[in-house]
Amino acid sequence: MAEAPTLETPRLTLAPFSDEHLTERYVGWLQDPDVVRYSEQRHRTHTLESCRQFAASFADGPSHLWAIIENKQGLGHIGNINSDVDAANRTADVAVMIGEKQAWGQGLGFEAWNAVLDYLLGPGAMRKVTAGTMAENKGMLAIFEKSGMTEEGRRKKQFQLLDREVDAILVARFAET
């Protein structure tokens, strides 16, 4: 894995993902329909081995995978955030999952998101960070807006969510020039 730096925020530590984060609790998040409602992970069955393979996919490139550790309430590992880096173009696509439901609604996803964007667009030397979500994912759309990302595209009816066709919203934020 490209050496992901440890990032600190007032309530979180974003630590490079390691074997200690590969737990049944983590696998459980990926099996929980509420957690993966707006993720394409909802179509997959996960095991410790599939999660190990995902983590290993970051081993030989510039991309990063962080475990999100909550420090104030003692919740520990509450989710993950990753950046899929295209070093040649100095861009990164970011995705986050807060799997621990006790951590929902506290702004922890936003705090982790901003830490990663600040790193990527600062010391990480990216010129552009992108992300995407389903148009119905109001929580993620709020994170995008509050973090200064702007919509740069929409894929009409990209996803099938239960019995509805749902647009994909694509956003970006650029480094200050």
Protein backbone atom coordinates (compact mmCIF):
# COMPACT_ATOMS: atom_id res chain seq x y z
CA MET A 1 0.00 0.00 0.00
CA ALA A 2 1.20 3.50 -0.66
CA GLU A 3 2.13 4.69 2.78
CA ALA A 4 -1.01 6.40 3.94
CA PRO A 5 -0.25 8.94 6.63
CA THR A 6 -2.14 8.84 9.88
CA LEU A 7 -4.56 11.76 9.91
CA GLU A 8 -5.91 13.29 13.14
CA THR A 9 -9.06 15.35 13.66
CA PRO A 10 -10.65 16.54 16.91
CA ARG A 11 -12.59 13.27 17.31
CA LEU A 12 -10.98 10.82 14.92
CA THR A 13 -7.81 9.07 13.92
CA LEU A 14 -7.62 7.93 10.32
CA ALA A 15 -5.08 5.13 10.50
CA PRO A 16 -3.65 3.15 7.60
CA PHE A 17 -5.89 0.08 7.33
CA SER A 18 -4.24 -3.04 8.73
CA ASP A 19 -5.05 -6.63 9.69
CA GLU A 20 -6.26 -5.45 13.10
CA HIS A 21 -9.22 -3.82 11.32
CA LEU A 22 -10.20 -7.06 9.55
CA THR A 23 -12.87 -8.25 11.96
CA GLU A 24 -16.27 -9.92 11.89
CA ARG A 25 -17.65 -6.54 13.00
CA TYR A 26 -16.32 -4.97 9.78
CA VAL A 27 -17.74 -7.81 7.66
CA GLY A 28 -21.06 -7.32 9.47
CA TRP A 29 -21.26 -3.72 8.31
CA LEU A 30 -20.98 -4.89 4.71
CA GLN A 31 -23.78 -7.41 5.25
CA ASP A 32 -26.12 -4.84 6.85
CA PRO A 33 -28.66 -3.55 4.29
CA ASP A 34 -28.92 -0.20 6.11
CA VAL A 35 -25.16 0.38 5.94
CA VAL A 36 -24.79 -0.51 2.26
CA ARG A 37 -28.15 0.86 1.07
CA TYR A 38 -26.52 3.35 -1.34
CA SER A 39 -23.40 1.32 -2.12
CA GLU A 40 -22.78 -1.17 -4.86
CA GLN A 41 -21.51 -3.40 -2.04
CA ARG A 42 -25.17 -4.24 -1.46
CA HIS A 43 -24.95 -6.69 -4.38
CA ARG A 44 -22.07 -8.70 -2.91
CA THR A 45 -21.58 -11.20 -0.13
CA HIS A 46 -18.55 -10.41 2.00
CA THR A 47 -16.24 -12.52 4.12
CA LEU A 48 -13.06 -11.83 6.04
CA GLU A 49 -11.19 -13.16 3.01
CA SER A 50 -12.96 -10.86 0.53
CA CYS A 51 -12.25 -7.90 2.84
CA ARG A 52 -8.61 -8.99 3.13
CA GLN A 53 -8.40 -9.07 -0.69
CA PHE A 54 -9.91 -5.58 -0.90
CA ALA A 55 -7.37 -4.22 1.60
CA ALA A 56 -4.55 -5.98 -0.26
CA SER A 57 -5.63 -4.29 -3.51
CA PHE A 58 -4.12 -1.07 -2.12
CA ALA A 59 -0.70 -2.67 -1.55
CA ASP A 60 1.15 -1.91 -4.78
CA GLY A 61 -0.06 1.48 -5.87
CA PRO A 62 -0.56 5.09 -4.90
CA SER A 63 -4.08 4.65 -3.49
CA HIS A 64 -4.92 4.72 0.23
CA LEU A 65 -7.23 2.90 2.61
CA TRP A 66 -7.78 4.29 6.10
CA ALA A 67 -9.65 2.87 9.08
CA ILE A 68 -11.73 5.56 10.78
CA ILE A 69 -11.19 5.35 14.54
CA GLU A 70 -13.48 7.32 16.87
CA ASN A 71 -11.53 8.53 19.94
CA LYS A 72 -13.94 10.42 22.24
CA GLN A 73 -16.77 7.94 22.92
CA GLY A 74 -14.70 4.77 22.82
CA LEU A 75 -16.38 3.44 19.68
CA GLY A 76 -13.08 2.45 18.06
CA HIS A 77 -13.12 1.43 14.39
CA ILE A 78 -16.34 2.89 12.97
CA GLY A 79 -15.71 2.76 9.22
CA ASN A 80 -13.29 3.16 6.36
CA ILE A 81 -12.37 5.78 3.81
CA ASN A 82 -10.32 5.24 0.69
CA SER A 83 -8.80 7.23 -2.13
CA ASP A 84 -8.31 5.70 -5.55
CA VAL A 85 -5.38 7.74 -6.82
CA ASP A 86 -4.50 8.36 -10.48
CA ALA A 87 -0.96 9.65 -9.91
CA ALA A 88 -0.30 10.52 -13.56
CA ASN A 89 -3.26 12.90 -13.64
CA ARG A 90 -2.99 13.95 -9.97
CA THR A 91 -6.60 13.02 -9.27
CA ALA A 92 -8.21 10.87 -6.59
CA ASP A 93 -11.68 9.42 -6.21
CA VAL A 94 -12.81 9.11 -2.58
CA ALA A 95 -15.37 6.83 -0.92
CA VAL A 96 -16.40 6.54 2.73
CA MET A 97 -18.40 4.09 4.80
CA ILE A 98 -19.44 4.66 8.39
CA GLY A 99 -20.48 1.15 9.34
CA GLU A 100 -21.00 1.57 13.07
CA LYS A 101 -24.58 2.80 13.45
CA GLN A 102 -23.86 4.31 16.90
CA ALA A 103 -21.62 6.77 15.05
CA TRP A 104 -24.28 7.90 12.57
CA GLY A 105 -25.66 11.44 12.70
CA GLN A 106 -22.70 12.93 14.58
CA GLY A 107 -20.80 14.46 11.67
CA LEU A 108 -18.00 11.89 11.88
CA GLY A 109 -18.22 10.99 8.20
CA PHE A 110 -17.91 14.67 7.33
CA GLU A 111 -14.93 15.04 9.68
CA ALA A 112 -13.15 12.06 8.09
CA TRP A 113 -14.06 13.27 4.59
CA ASN A 114 -12.57 16.71 5.19
CA ALA A 115 -9.38 15.27 6.67
CA VAL A 116 -8.83 13.15 3.58
CA LEU A 117 -9.68 15.97 1.17
CA ASP A 118 -7.34 18.34 3.03
CA TYR A 119 -4.56 15.76 2.84
CA LEU A 120 -5.09 14.86 -0.83
CA LEU A 121 -5.40 18.46 -2.02
CA GLY A 122 -2.50 19.58 0.20
CA PRO A 123 0.46 17.34 1.05
CA GLY A 124 -0.96 14.54 -1.13
CA ALA A 125 -0.39 16.82 -4.15
CA MET A 126 -3.64 16.00 -5.94
CA ARG A 127 -5.09 18.72 -8.16
CA LYS A 128 -8.62 17.28 -8.16
CA VAL A 129 -10.66 15.00 -5.89
CA THR A 130 -13.84 13.36 -7.16
CA ALA A 131 -16.65 11.27 -5.71
CA GLY A 132 -20.10 10.04 -6.58
CA THR A 133 -23.28 8.78 -4.98
CA MET A 134 -26.90 8.00 -5.66
CA ALA A 135 -29.18 11.03 -5.87
CA GLU A 136 -31.21 9.64 -2.95
CA ASN A 137 -28.22 9.51 -0.58
CA LYS A 138 -29.01 12.76 1.24
CA GLY A 139 -26.32 12.25 3.89
CA MET A 140 -23.52 11.93 1.34
CA LEU A 141 -24.87 14.81 -0.72
CA ALA A 142 -24.74 16.98 2.43
CA ILE A 143 -21.12 15.96 3.02
CA PHE A 144 -20.25 16.88 -0.56
CA GLU A 145 -21.87 20.31 -0.24
CA LYS A 146 -20.41 21.12 3.19
CA SER A 147 -16.92 20.12 2.03
CA GLY A 148 -16.98 22.44 -0.96
CA MET A 149 -17.43 19.84 -3.68
CA THR A 150 -19.51 20.85 -6.68
CA GLU A 151 -21.59 18.76 -9.04
CA GLU A 152 -19.85 18.18 -12.33
CA GLY A 153 -22.08 15.51 -13.79
CA ARG A 154 -25.10 13.31 -13.49
CA ARG A 155 -25.70 9.87 -14.91
CA LYS A 156 -29.43 9.53 -15.43
CA LYS A 157 -31.04 6.35 -14.09
CA GLN A 158 -27.60 4.83 -13.42
CA PHE A 159 -28.68 2.66 -10.49
CA GLN A 160 -31.53 0.37 -9.64
CA LEU A 161 -32.48 0.99 -6.00
CA LEU A 162 -35.21 -1.42 -4.99
CA ASP A 163 -37.88 -0.73 -7.59
CA ARG A 164 -36.67 2.73 -8.63
CA GLU A 165 -34.18 4.02 -11.18
CA VAL A 166 -31.85 6.51 -9.49
CA ASP A 167 -29.38 9.04 -10.89
CA ALA A 168 -25.70 9.05 -10.01
CA ILE A 169 -24.38 12.43 -8.86
CA LEU A 170 -20.70 13.09 -9.64
CA VAL A 171 -18.83 15.81 -7.76
CA ALA A 172 -15.35 17.32 -7.61
CA ARG A 173 -13.20 19.72 -5.66
CA PHE A 174 -10.02 21.24 -7.00
CA ALA A 175 -6.86 22.26 -5.20
CA GLU A 176 -6.46 25.96 -4.60
CA THR A 177 -4.38 27.50 -7.37
